[in-house]
């Protein structure tokens, strides 16, 4: 039989009496077991959304990284505002320069440019030459970084900038060459012979050259500073100057890398995963408070 308590309050006869409720003996599971099972059931959905969302975010990040996209540089360049050089010079005089990195635009002038055998006059040239080993790995046999300190001009205003402090890569349309190692100039022969002795004869070669000429219009991500004389200086932000010789929209496409569709897919997967994580967190809080 089941028994229940009935409390009688009030009066001299108040107290607790037991009443027979009737029916079969109570063989049901303990109430605590019901509560545990209900809690696990309520939390299964939110926890599943959290796990699935976290995996989706991780997968999206892997897709973005494998695309070759330089998303960090792209975000920094796109987020900064463009400040005219004359305005920056005035702000330096009044000690009101912005603390955050800004974009500065202007044409290049250089007193001692780099002169190439073809007659080009350059302010910077970055060249990487690589060869493919028999096992498929690529090895760099030349990494050239030749830069100059230049003056950036906008109308009648100018400021000096050291392109040697530029972040990589220089945002220009690269000159890419691919071919046989035998087609490389003779100056690379010692490096190829050394690699041949170590790992076998290279099977392919490639070269990527990025350069800034004296006719380029530059966009530079920099931080404005005031020197002791109150004049404007451009200092590199964390990671170095971001230097672009192309328009902003072209720069974004170049920074997106050779596998842009993979990058976009990665962002979409990461966004869906982030939404699932948010929904899971909200559902988990509501389930705990219920």
Protein backbone atom coordinates (compact mmCIF):
# COMPACT_ATOMS: atom_id res chain seq x y z
CA UNK A 1 0.00 0.00 0.00
CA UNK A 2 1.02 3.63 -0.49
CA UNK A 3 0.84 6.04 2.40
CA UNK A 4 0.84 9.79 2.39
CA UNK A 5 1.23 12.40 5.05
CA UNK A 6 -1.54 14.87 5.81
CA UNK A 7 -0.67 17.75 8.12
CA UNK A 8 -3.46 19.14 10.24
CA UNK A 9 -2.63 22.64 11.44
CA UNK A 10 -4.31 24.68 14.03
CA UNK A 11 -6.01 23.89 17.28
CA UNK A 12 -4.91 21.65 20.11
CA UNK A 13 -5.40 18.60 17.97
CA UNK A 14 -3.09 19.76 15.17
CA UNK A 15 -0.45 17.35 14.00
CA UNK A 16 0.44 14.86 11.27
CA UNK A 17 -1.56 11.78 10.42
CA UNK A 18 -0.89 9.02 7.88
CA UNK A 19 -3.63 8.11 5.43
CA UNK A 20 -3.87 5.01 3.33
CA UNK A 21 -3.92 5.94 -0.37
CA UNK A 22 -4.66 2.54 -1.81
CA UNK A 23 -3.40 0.74 -4.91
CA UNK A 24 -0.47 -1.58 -5.39
CA UNK A 25 2.86 -1.22 -3.56
CA UNK A 26 5.04 1.55 -5.03
CA UNK A 27 7.54 -0.14 -7.35
CA UNK A 28 8.28 2.93 -9.57
CA UNK A 29 11.88 4.21 -10.03
CA UNK A 30 13.16 6.74 -7.59
CA UNK A 31 12.19 10.36 -8.37
CA UNK A 32 15.90 11.27 -8.49
CA UNK A 33 16.40 8.90 -11.42
CA UNK A 34 13.66 10.70 -13.34
CA UNK A 35 15.33 14.02 -12.69
CA UNK A 36 18.73 12.76 -13.88
CA UNK A 37 17.28 11.27 -17.07
CA UNK A 38 15.29 14.41 -17.78
CA UNK A 39 18.36 16.60 -17.25
CA UNK A 40 20.50 14.48 -19.59
CA UNK A 41 17.76 14.57 -22.23
CA UNK A 42 17.40 18.34 -21.94
CA UNK A 43 21.16 18.92 -22.27
CA UNK A 44 21.77 16.50 -25.15
CA UNK A 45 20.50 18.91 -27.81
CA UNK A 46 22.50 22.00 -26.69
CA UNK A 47 25.66 19.96 -26.15
CA UNK A 48 25.31 18.39 -29.59
CA UNK A 49 24.92 21.84 -31.16
CA UNK A 50 28.03 23.04 -29.33
CA UNK A 51 30.13 20.10 -30.50
CA UNK A 52 28.88 20.26 -34.09
CA UNK A 53 29.35 24.02 -34.21
CA UNK A 54 32.86 23.80 -32.82
CA UNK A 55 33.82 21.19 -35.41
CA UNK A 56 32.36 23.33 -38.19
CA UNK A 57 34.32 26.39 -37.03
CA UNK A 58 37.53 24.35 -36.91
CA UNK A 59 36.86 22.96 -40.37
CA UNK A 60 36.19 26.43 -41.75
CA UNK A 61 39.44 27.77 -40.31
CA UNK A 62 41.36 24.88 -41.89
CA UNK A 63 39.77 25.60 -45.28
CA UNK A 64 40.69 29.30 -45.03
CA UNK A 65 44.28 28.52 -44.11
CA UNK A 66 44.68 25.94 -46.84
CA UNK A 67 43.42 28.44 -49.43
CA UNK A 68 46.58 30.52 -49.08
CA UNK A 69 44.58 33.65 -48.26
CA UNK A 70 46.34 36.35 -46.23
CA UNK A 71 43.21 37.28 -44.31
CA UNK A 72 45.00 39.09 -41.48
CA UNK A 73 46.73 41.57 -43.79
CA UNK A 74 43.52 42.01 -45.78
CA UNK A 75 41.47 42.84 -42.69
CA UNK A 76 44.05 45.34 -41.44
CA UNK A 77 44.28 47.10 -44.78
CA UNK A 78 40.54 47.21 -45.42
CA UNK A 79 39.62 48.35 -41.90
CA UNK A 80 41.97 51.34 -41.81
CA UNK A 81 40.76 54.74 -42.96
CA UNK A 82 42.60 56.82 -45.55
CA UNK A 83 43.99 60.11 -44.26
CA UNK A 84 45.36 62.72 -46.70
CA UNK A 85 49.05 63.36 -46.21
CA UNK A 86 48.57 67.11 -45.76
CA UNK A 87 46.04 66.43 -42.98
CA UNK A 88 48.48 64.08 -41.25
CA UNK A 89 51.23 66.70 -41.36
CA UNK A 90 48.87 69.25 -39.79
CA UNK A 91 47.87 66.75 -37.09
CA UNK A 92 51.54 66.11 -36.30
CA UNK A 93 52.11 69.85 -35.86
CA UNK A 94 49.18 70.08 -33.43
CA UNK A 95 50.07 66.75 -31.77
CA UNK A 96 46.68 65.24 -32.68
CA UNK A 97 47.77 62.20 -34.68
CA UNK A 98 45.47 59.14 -34.60
CA UNK A 99 46.77 56.26 -32.49
CA UNK A 100 45.48 53.52 -34.80
CA UNK A 101 47.08 52.53 -38.12
CA UNK A 102 45.87 54.54 -41.10
CA UNK A 103 46.22 54.34 -44.88
CA UNK A 104 48.43 56.90 -46.57
CA UNK A 105 48.57 57.31 -50.34
CA UNK A 106 51.13 58.94 -52.60
CA UNK A 107 53.62 58.61 -55.42
CA UNK A 108 57.15 57.33 -54.99
CA UNK A 109 60.29 59.40 -55.35
CA UNK A 110 63.72 57.95 -54.70
CA UNK A 111 67.16 59.55 -55.01
CA UNK A 112 69.04 56.26 -55.47
CA UNK A 113 66.70 53.73 -57.10
CA UNK A 114 67.50 50.13 -57.94
CA UNK A 115 68.41 49.93 -61.63
CA UNK A 116 67.83 46.63 -63.39
CA UNK A 117 69.65 45.36 -66.51
CA UNK A 118 66.43 46.08 -68.45
CA UNK A 119 66.58 49.75 -67.45
CA UNK A 120 63.79 49.66 -64.85
CA UNK A 121 64.09 52.01 -61.88
CA UNK A 122 62.73 50.37 -58.74
CA UNK A 123 62.13 51.28 -55.11
CA UNK A 124 61.86 47.65 -53.97
CA UNK A 125 62.20 44.18 -55.42
CA UNK A 126 61.38 40.86 -53.71
CA UNK A 127 62.27 37.70 -55.61
CA UNK A 128 61.93 34.05 -54.57
CA UNK A 129 63.38 31.27 -56.71
CA UNK A 130 62.46 27.67 -55.86
CA UNK A 131 63.12 24.23 -57.29
CA UNK A 132 61.10 21.04 -56.85
CA UNK A 133 62.91 18.02 -55.42
CA UNK A 134 62.16 14.44 -56.55
CA UNK A 135 60.01 13.85 -53.45
CA UNK A 136 57.74 16.78 -54.36
CA UNK A 137 59.05 19.31 -51.85
CA UNK A 138 60.00 22.82 -52.97
CA UNK A 139 63.30 24.31 -51.81
CA UNK A 140 64.21 27.99 -52.01
CA UNK A 141 67.54 28.69 -53.70
CA UNK A 142 67.25 32.50 -53.72
CA UNK A 143 65.39 34.94 -51.50
CA UNK A 144 66.21 38.47 -52.64
CA UNK A 145 65.01 41.50 -50.69
CA UNK A 146 66.35 44.78 -52.08
CA UNK A 147 64.65 47.98 -50.93
CA UNK A 148 65.19 51.72 -50.67
CA UNK A 149 64.08 54.54 -48.41
CA UNK A 150 61.68 56.65 -50.47
CA UNK A 151 59.65 59.83 -50.23
CA UNK A 152 55.89 59.43 -50.52
CA UNK A 153 54.38 62.47 -52.24
CA UNK A 154 50.80 63.68 -52.35
CA UNK A 155 50.55 67.00 -54.16
CA UNK A 156 52.91 69.35 -52.31
CA UNK A 157 53.23 67.19 -49.18
CA UNK A 158 55.71 64.38 -48.62
CA UNK A 159 56.92 61.99 -45.94
CA UNK A 160 59.82 59.53 -45.86
CA UNK A 161 59.30 55.80 -45.51
CA UNK A 162 61.75 52.90 -45.31
CA UNK A 163 60.45 50.11 -47.54
CA UNK A 164 62.84 47.74 -45.82
CA UNK A 165 60.31 47.64 -42.95
CA UNK A 166 57.49 46.47 -45.25
CA UNK A 167 55.51 43.36 -44.36
CA UNK A 168 55.48 40.49 -46.81
CA UNK A 169 54.28 40.13 -49.39
CA UNK A 170 54.46 43.43 -51.24
CA UNK A 171 50.96 43.76 -52.67
CA UNK A 172 51.71 44.01 -56.37
CA UNK A 173 50.80 41.93 -59.39
CA UNK A 174 53.58 39.32 -59.23
CA UNK A 175 55.75 38.24 -62.11
CA UNK A 176 55.64 34.43 -62.06
CA UNK A 177 57.89 32.14 -64.10
CA UNK A 178 57.82 28.33 -64.21
CA UNK A 179 60.07 26.03 -66.15
CA UNK A 180 62.93 23.55 -66.05
CA UNK A 181 65.90 23.98 -63.66
CA UNK A 182 68.13 23.94 -66.75
CA UNK A 183 66.52 27.21 -67.86
CA UNK A 184 67.69 29.10 -64.76
CA UNK A 185 70.68 31.45 -65.12
CA UNK A 186 74.15 30.04 -64.51
CA UNK A 187 74.37 31.88 -61.16
CA UNK A 188 71.96 29.29 -59.69
CA UNK A 189 74.03 26.33 -60.84
CA UNK A 190 76.02 25.86 -57.57
CA UNK A 191 72.79 25.73 -55.52
CA UNK A 192 71.22 23.22 -57.91
CA UNK A 193 74.32 21.01 -57.84
CA UNK A 194 74.29 21.04 -54.03
CA UNK A 195 70.63 20.02 -53.91
CA UNK A 196 71.23 17.33 -56.52
CA UNK A 197 73.93 15.80 -54.34
CA UNK A 198 71.65 15.92 -51.27
CA UNK A 199 68.27 14.83 -52.62
CA UNK A 200 68.53 14.10 -56.34
CA UNK A 201 68.12 16.29 -59.42
CA UNK A 202 65.34 18.93 -59.20
CA UNK A 203 62.40 18.31 -61.50
CA UNK A 204 60.99 21.84 -61.88
CA UNK A 205 61.71 25.47 -61.06
CA UNK A 206 59.69 28.60 -60.43
CA UNK A 207 60.30 32.25 -59.66
CA UNK A 208 58.03 34.91 -58.16
CA UNK A 209 59.05 38.57 -58.33
CA UNK A 210 57.25 41.50 -56.74
CA UNK A 211 58.53 45.00 -57.32
CA UNK A 212 57.67 48.64 -56.75
CA UNK A 213 58.64 51.09 -59.48
CA UNK A 214 59.13 54.84 -59.34
CA UNK A 215 55.89 55.38 -61.25
CA UNK A 216 53.69 53.46 -58.82
CA UNK A 217 50.97 55.04 -56.71
CA UNK A 218 51.35 53.46 -53.27
CA UNK A 219 48.93 52.80 -50.46
CA UNK A 220 50.76 52.28 -47.16
CA UNK A 221 49.31 51.08 -43.87
CA UNK A 222 51.31 52.93 -41.22
CA UNK A 223 51.16 54.61 -37.84
CA UNK A 224 51.69 58.37 -37.66
CA UNK A 225 54.32 59.57 -35.20
CA UNK A 226 55.62 63.00 -34.21
CA UNK A 227 59.38 63.48 -34.09
CA UNK A 228 61.06 65.81 -31.54
CA UNK A 229 60.86 68.68 -34.02
CA UNK A 230 57.11 68.20 -34.41
CA UNK A 231 57.38 66.74 -37.92
CA UNK A 232 55.42 63.76 -39.23
CA UNK A 233 57.03 60.33 -39.25
CA UNK A 234 55.50 57.11 -40.51
CA UNK A 235 56.25 54.12 -38.29
CA UNK A 236 55.49 50.49 -39.17
CA UNK A 237 52.55 48.96 -37.29
CA UNK A 238 52.87 45.51 -35.74
CA UNK A 239 54.10 43.20 -38.48
CA UNK A 240 55.51 45.99 -40.65
CA UNK A 241 54.22 48.45 -43.25
CA UNK A 242 51.56 47.00 -45.52
CA UNK A 243 52.56 48.35 -48.93
CA UNK A 244 50.25 48.09 -51.94
CA UNK A 245 50.96 49.28 -55.48
CA UNK A 246 47.42 48.45 -56.71
CA UNK A 247 43.90 49.68 -55.97
CA UNK A 248 42.24 48.41 -52.79
CA UNK A 249 39.81 46.04 -54.55
CA UNK A 250 42.63 44.46 -56.57
CA UNK A 251 44.72 44.21 -53.39
CA UNK A 252 41.90 42.28 -51.69
CA UNK A 253 41.72 39.83 -54.60
CA UNK A 254 45.48 39.30 -54.55
CA UNK A 255 45.44 38.69 -50.79
CA UNK A 256 42.60 36.19 -51.22
CA UNK A 257 45.16 33.82 -52.73
CA UNK A 258 44.97 31.39 -55.65
CA UNK A 259 42.07 29.35 -54.19
CA UNK A 260 39.50 32.05 -53.49
CA UNK A 261 36.50 29.69 -53.69
CA UNK A 262 38.01 27.54 -50.94
CA UNK A 263 38.45 30.62 -48.75
CA UNK A 264 34.83 31.68 -49.28
CA UNK A 265 33.63 28.14 -48.48
CA UNK A 266 35.71 28.20 -45.31
CA UNK A 267 34.14 31.47 -44.19
CA UNK A 268 30.64 30.09 -44.88
CA UNK A 269 31.31 26.89 -42.93
CA UNK A 270 32.83 28.84 -40.04
CA UNK A 271 29.83 31.22 -39.98
CA UNK A 272 27.35 28.32 -39.81
CA UNK A 273 29.44 26.73 -37.06
CA UNK A 274 29.53 29.96 -35.10
CA UNK A 275 25.74 30.25 -35.32
CA UNK A 276 25.38 26.65 -34.09
CA UNK A 277 27.69 27.37 -31.14
CA UNK A 278 25.65 30.45 -30.23
CA UNK A 279 22.37 28.53 -30.41
CA UNK A 280 23.86 25.73 -28.33
CA UNK A 281 25.04 28.14 -25.64
CA UNK A 282 21.65 29.84 -25.40
CA UNK A 283 19.84 26.50 -25.27
CA UNK A 284 22.25 25.22 -22.64
CA UNK A 285 21.67 28.23 -20.39
CA UNK A 286 17.88 27.92 -20.76
CA UNK A 287 18.03 24.19 -19.97
CA UNK A 288 20.09 24.76 -16.83
CA UNK A 289 17.81 27.55 -15.60
CA UNK A 290 14.60 25.57 -16.32
